N, C-alpha and C. Protein backbone atom coordinates (compact mmCIF):
# COMPACT_ATOMS: atom_id res chain seq x y z
N MET A 1 106.36 71.64 49.59
CA MET A 1 107.18 72.81 49.41
C MET A 1 106.33 74.05 49.72
N ALA A 2 106.93 75.03 50.36
CA ALA A 2 106.22 76.26 50.71
C ALA A 2 105.84 77.03 49.46
N LYS A 3 104.72 77.75 49.52
CA LYS A 3 104.27 78.56 48.39
C LYS A 3 105.31 79.64 48.10
N ASN A 4 105.64 79.80 46.82
CA ASN A 4 106.66 80.79 46.45
C ASN A 4 106.01 82.04 45.89
N LYS A 5 106.84 83.04 45.63
CA LYS A 5 106.35 84.30 45.10
C LYS A 5 106.92 84.58 43.72
N LEU A 6 107.28 83.51 43.00
CA LEU A 6 107.79 83.65 41.65
C LEU A 6 106.65 84.10 40.75
N LEU A 7 106.77 85.29 40.18
CA LEU A 7 105.69 85.85 39.37
C LEU A 7 105.96 85.72 37.88
N SER A 8 107.20 85.87 37.47
CA SER A 8 107.48 85.77 36.04
C SER A 8 108.93 85.39 35.80
N MET A 9 109.17 84.85 34.61
CA MET A 9 110.51 84.48 34.19
C MET A 9 110.47 84.58 32.66
N HIS A 10 111.47 85.20 32.06
CA HIS A 10 111.44 85.43 30.63
C HIS A 10 112.64 84.83 29.92
N ASN A 11 112.37 84.02 28.90
CA ASN A 11 113.39 83.55 27.97
C ASN A 11 114.63 82.97 28.63
N VAL A 12 114.45 81.95 29.42
CA VAL A 12 115.57 81.31 30.08
C VAL A 12 115.80 79.95 29.44
N GLY A 13 117.03 79.69 29.02
CA GLY A 13 117.40 78.39 28.48
C GLY A 13 118.41 77.75 29.40
N ILE A 14 118.14 76.54 29.85
CA ILE A 14 119.04 75.85 30.78
C ILE A 14 119.33 74.46 30.23
N VAL A 15 120.58 74.12 30.10
CA VAL A 15 120.98 72.79 29.66
C VAL A 15 121.00 71.88 30.87
N VAL A 16 120.32 70.75 30.79
CA VAL A 16 120.23 69.84 31.93
C VAL A 16 120.57 68.42 31.50
N LYS A 17 120.96 67.61 32.46
CA LYS A 17 121.29 66.21 32.20
C LYS A 17 120.01 65.39 31.98
N SER A 18 118.98 65.66 32.77
CA SER A 18 117.72 64.92 32.67
C SER A 18 116.57 65.90 32.53
N LEU A 19 115.90 65.88 31.38
CA LEU A 19 114.77 66.79 31.18
C LEU A 19 113.62 66.43 32.10
N ASP A 20 113.40 65.16 32.35
CA ASP A 20 112.33 64.75 33.27
C ASP A 20 112.57 65.29 34.67
N ASP A 21 113.82 65.19 35.15
CA ASP A 21 114.14 65.72 36.48
C ASP A 21 113.98 67.24 36.53
N ALA A 22 114.37 67.92 35.46
CA ALA A 22 114.25 69.38 35.41
C ALA A 22 112.78 69.80 35.42
N ILE A 23 111.95 69.09 34.67
CA ILE A 23 110.52 69.39 34.66
C ILE A 23 109.94 69.21 36.06
N SER A 24 110.31 68.14 36.74
CA SER A 24 109.84 67.91 38.11
C SER A 24 110.28 69.03 39.04
N PHE A 25 111.55 69.43 38.93
CA PHE A 25 112.09 70.49 39.78
C PHE A 25 111.34 71.80 39.58
N PHE A 26 111.18 72.22 38.32
CA PHE A 26 110.52 73.50 38.07
C PHE A 26 109.02 73.44 38.35
N THR A 27 108.42 72.26 38.25
CA THR A 27 107.03 72.11 38.65
C THR A 27 106.89 72.35 40.15
N GLU A 28 107.86 71.86 40.92
CA GLU A 28 107.86 72.10 42.38
C GLU A 28 107.97 73.59 42.71
N LEU A 29 108.63 74.34 41.83
CA LEU A 29 108.77 75.79 42.04
C LEU A 29 107.51 76.55 41.62
N GLY A 30 106.55 75.85 41.02
CA GLY A 30 105.30 76.48 40.65
C GLY A 30 105.10 76.70 39.16
N LEU A 31 106.08 76.33 38.33
CA LEU A 31 105.92 76.48 36.89
C LEU A 31 105.06 75.34 36.36
N LYS A 32 104.48 75.55 35.18
CA LYS A 32 103.65 74.53 34.56
C LYS A 32 104.22 74.17 33.20
N LEU A 33 104.18 72.88 32.88
CA LEU A 33 104.67 72.41 31.59
C LEU A 33 103.66 72.82 30.51
N GLU A 34 104.13 73.61 29.55
CA GLU A 34 103.26 74.06 28.46
C GLU A 34 103.42 73.17 27.23
N GLY A 35 104.60 72.62 27.04
CA GLY A 35 104.84 71.76 25.89
C GLY A 35 106.23 71.17 25.93
N ARG A 36 106.38 70.08 25.17
CA ARG A 36 107.66 69.38 25.12
C ARG A 36 107.81 68.80 23.73
N GLN A 37 108.99 68.97 23.12
CA GLN A 37 109.20 68.42 21.79
C GLN A 37 110.69 68.34 21.46
N THR A 38 110.98 67.69 20.36
CA THR A 38 112.34 67.60 19.85
C THR A 38 112.46 68.58 18.70
N ILE A 39 113.56 69.35 18.69
CA ILE A 39 113.82 70.26 17.58
C ILE A 39 115.14 69.87 16.94
N GLU A 40 115.22 70.08 15.64
CA GLU A 40 116.44 69.79 14.91
C GLU A 40 116.39 70.49 13.57
N GLY A 41 117.48 70.44 12.86
CA GLY A 41 117.51 71.00 11.52
C GLY A 41 118.10 72.40 11.45
N GLU A 42 117.90 73.02 10.29
CA GLU A 42 118.53 74.31 10.01
C GLU A 42 118.15 75.39 11.02
N TRP A 43 116.86 75.48 11.37
CA TRP A 43 116.43 76.53 12.29
C TRP A 43 117.12 76.43 13.64
N SER A 44 117.14 75.23 14.22
CA SER A 44 117.76 75.10 15.55
C SER A 44 119.25 75.38 15.50
N GLY A 45 119.91 74.98 14.44
CA GLY A 45 121.33 75.28 14.30
C GLY A 45 121.59 76.76 14.13
N ARG A 46 120.73 77.43 13.39
CA ARG A 46 120.89 78.87 13.18
C ARG A 46 120.66 79.64 14.48
N VAL A 47 119.68 79.23 15.27
CA VAL A 47 119.35 79.92 16.51
C VAL A 47 120.44 79.73 17.56
N THR A 48 120.99 78.53 17.66
CA THR A 48 121.96 78.24 18.72
C THR A 48 123.41 78.34 18.27
N GLY A 49 123.65 78.30 16.96
CA GLY A 49 125.03 78.33 16.47
C GLY A 49 125.69 76.97 16.46
N VAL A 50 124.93 75.92 16.75
CA VAL A 50 125.46 74.55 16.77
C VAL A 50 124.78 73.77 15.65
N ASP A 51 125.54 73.45 14.60
CA ASP A 51 124.96 72.72 13.46
C ASP A 51 124.69 71.26 13.80
N SER A 52 123.80 70.65 13.06
CA SER A 52 123.49 69.22 13.15
C SER A 52 123.15 68.76 14.56
N GLN A 53 122.31 69.49 15.23
CA GLN A 53 121.94 69.10 16.58
C GLN A 53 120.51 68.56 16.61
N VAL A 54 120.25 67.73 17.60
CA VAL A 54 118.91 67.26 17.90
C VAL A 54 118.72 67.52 19.39
N VAL A 55 117.73 68.33 19.73
CA VAL A 55 117.56 68.76 21.12
C VAL A 55 116.11 68.55 21.54
N GLU A 56 115.92 68.00 22.73
CA GLU A 56 114.59 67.90 23.30
C GLU A 56 114.39 69.09 24.23
N ILE A 57 113.28 69.80 24.04
CA ILE A 57 113.03 70.99 24.85
C ILE A 57 111.71 70.85 25.60
N ALA A 58 111.61 71.58 26.68
CA ALA A 58 110.36 71.69 27.44
C ALA A 58 110.10 73.17 27.65
N MET A 59 108.89 73.58 27.37
CA MET A 59 108.49 74.96 27.59
C MET A 59 107.70 74.99 28.90
N MET A 60 108.21 75.75 29.86
CA MET A 60 107.57 75.87 31.17
C MET A 60 107.19 77.33 31.37
N VAL A 61 106.04 77.54 31.98
CA VAL A 61 105.55 78.91 32.20
C VAL A 61 105.24 79.14 33.67
N THR A 62 105.40 80.39 34.07
CA THR A 62 105.03 80.76 35.43
C THR A 62 103.53 80.95 35.51
N PRO A 63 102.96 80.86 36.70
CA PRO A 63 101.52 81.09 36.84
C PRO A 63 101.18 82.50 36.36
N ARG A 64 100.05 82.63 35.74
CA ARG A 64 99.62 83.95 35.26
C ARG A 64 98.87 84.65 36.40
N TRP A 65 99.51 85.68 36.93
CA TRP A 65 98.93 86.41 38.06
C TRP A 65 98.28 87.67 37.54
N THR A 66 97.14 87.98 38.06
CA THR A 66 96.51 89.27 37.76
C THR A 66 96.58 90.12 39.01
N GLN A 67 96.98 91.34 38.84
CA GLN A 67 97.09 92.23 39.99
C GLN A 67 95.91 93.20 39.97
N SER A 68 95.27 93.34 41.09
CA SER A 68 94.15 94.28 41.15
C SER A 68 94.68 95.70 41.26
N ALA A 69 93.95 96.63 40.65
CA ALA A 69 94.38 98.03 40.63
C ALA A 69 94.08 98.72 41.93
């Protein structure tokens, strides 16, 4: 894949059918997997508005670019 110019992305939540496929896709775009875990309980229900959920999440980050002055 050609080098991209994606510099940053903030607070994006995307529901996907396959988390493994999504991680592969976003890795191809240049993002890096920072962490992956399952969340559930009161906090996740309060944040999303959906009670009694169990969700597997992946945190992906864009490359950290430094710009010269």
